[in-house]
């Protein structure tokens, strides 16, 4: 079974036996993609913080 959340509720989807390995790979890839997206998001946040800090410093001069 493959489970996912939809509107706060868990839904289960039956995975045919012949697709189990493929679906496992999809799940691992999904996790990898989420990790990369988090890294990009963290980098963007850092860029915003640096920009804001620089702007604040430059406005005082």
C-alpha atoms as a PDB file:
ATOM      1  CA  UNK A   1       0.000   0.000   0.000  1.00  0.00           C
ATOM      2  CA  UNK A   2       1.074   3.532  -0.744  1.00  0.00           C
ATOM      3  CA  UNK A   3      -0.240   6.146   1.671  1.00  0.00           C
ATOM      4  CA  UNK A   4      -0.584   9.871   1.166  1.00  0.00           C
ATOM      5  CA  UNK A   5      -2.326  12.774   2.883  1.00  0.00           C
ATOM      6  CA  UNK A   6      -5.264  14.464   1.151  1.00  0.00           C
ATOM      7  CA  UNK A   7      -6.864  17.403   2.975  1.00  0.00           C
ATOM      8  CA  UNK A   8      -5.415  16.157   6.262  1.00  0.00           C
ATOM      9  CA  UNK A   9      -6.655  12.600   5.887  1.00  0.00           C
ATOM     10  CA  UNK A  10      -4.540   9.583   5.033  1.00  0.00           C
ATOM     11  CA  UNK A  11      -5.489   7.733   1.882  1.00  0.00           C
ATOM     12  CA  UNK A  12      -4.095   4.353   0.889  1.00  0.00           C
ATOM     13  CA  UNK A  13      -3.541   3.220  -2.666  1.00  0.00           C
ATOM     14  CA  UNK A  14      -3.056  -0.426  -3.549  1.00  0.00           C
ATOM     15  CA  UNK A  15       0.186  -1.044  -5.424  1.00  0.00           C
ATOM     16  CA  UNK A  16       0.181  -4.124  -7.662  1.00  0.00           C
ATOM     17  CA  UNK A  17       2.934  -6.606  -6.798  1.00  0.00           C
ATOM     18  CA  UNK A  18       4.640  -6.138 -10.164  1.00  0.00           C
ATOM     19  CA  UNK A  19       4.981  -2.376  -9.500  1.00  0.00           C
ATOM     20  CA  UNK A  20       6.258  -2.459  -5.907  1.00  0.00           C
ATOM     21  CA  UNK A  21       9.944  -1.882  -6.748  1.00  0.00           C
ATOM     22  CA  UNK A  22       9.129   0.885  -9.208  1.00  0.00           C
ATOM     23  CA  UNK A  23       6.898   2.653  -6.686  1.00  0.00           C
ATOM     24  CA  UNK A  24       9.625   2.311  -4.026  1.00  0.00           C
ATOM     25  CA  UNK A  25      12.033   4.057  -6.377  1.00  0.00           C
ATOM     26  CA  UNK A  26       9.477   6.823  -6.965  1.00  0.00           C
ATOM     27  CA  UNK A  27       9.159   7.321  -3.203  1.00  0.00           C
ATOM     28  CA  UNK A  28      12.938   7.538  -2.759  1.00  0.00           C
ATOM     29  CA  UNK A  29      13.210   9.977  -5.659  1.00  0.00           C
ATOM     30  CA  UNK A  30      10.411  12.071  -4.174  1.00  0.00           C
ATOM     31  CA  UNK A  31      12.311  12.269  -0.885  1.00  0.00           C
ATOM     32  CA  UNK A  32      15.489  13.281  -2.726  1.00  0.00           C
ATOM     33  CA  UNK A  33      13.640  15.997  -4.648  1.00  0.00           C
ATOM     34  CA  UNK A  34      12.105  17.349  -1.427  1.00  0.00           C
ATOM     35  CA  UNK A  35      15.580  17.559   0.123  1.00  0.00           C
ATOM     36  CA  UNK A  36      16.934  19.467  -2.887  1.00  0.00           C
ATOM     37  CA  UNK A  37      13.961  21.849  -2.833  1.00  0.00           C
ATOM     38  CA  UNK A  38      14.606  22.511   0.872  1.00  0.00           C
ATOM     39  CA  UNK A  39      18.262  23.301   0.106  1.00  0.00           C
ATOM     40  CA  UNK A  40      17.245  25.754  -2.626  1.00  0.00           C
ATOM     41  CA  UNK A  41      14.674  27.342  -0.340  1.00  0.00           C
ATOM     42  CA  UNK A  42      17.255  27.712   2.441  1.00  0.00           C
ATOM     43  CA  UNK A  43      19.690  29.348  -0.003  1.00  0.00           C
ATOM     44  CA  UNK A  44      17.002  31.780  -1.163  1.00  0.00           C
ATOM     45  CA  UNK A  45      16.199  32.689   2.443  1.00  0.00           C
ATOM     46  CA  UNK A  46      19.876  33.337   3.109  1.00  0.00           C
ATOM     47  CA  UNK A  47      20.127  35.557   0.017  1.00  0.00           C
ATOM     48  CA  UNK A  48      17.154  37.591   1.209  1.00  0.00           C
ATOM     49  CA  UNK A  49      18.674  37.985   4.674  1.00  0.00           C
ATOM     50  CA  UNK A  50      22.024  39.122   3.244  1.00  0.00           C
ATOM     51  CA  UNK A  51      20.329  41.555   0.857  1.00  0.00           C
ATOM     52  CA  UNK A  52      18.177  43.026   3.620  1.00  0.00           C
ATOM     53  CA  UNK A  53      21.143  43.360   5.961  1.00  0.00           C
ATOM     54  CA  UNK A  54      23.251  45.074   3.276  1.00  0.00           C
ATOM     55  CA  UNK A  55      20.421  47.438   2.393  1.00  0.00           C
ATOM     56  CA  UNK A  56      19.983  48.365   6.054  1.00  0.00           C
ATOM     57  CA  UNK A  57      23.721  49.004   6.448  1.00  0.00           C
ATOM     58  CA  UNK A  58      23.877  51.097   3.248  1.00  0.00           C
ATOM     59  CA  UNK A  59      20.905  53.216   4.296  1.00  0.00           C
ATOM     60  CA  UNK A  60      22.733  54.243   7.481  1.00  0.00           C
ATOM     61  CA  UNK A  61      25.719  55.588   5.547  1.00  0.00           C
END
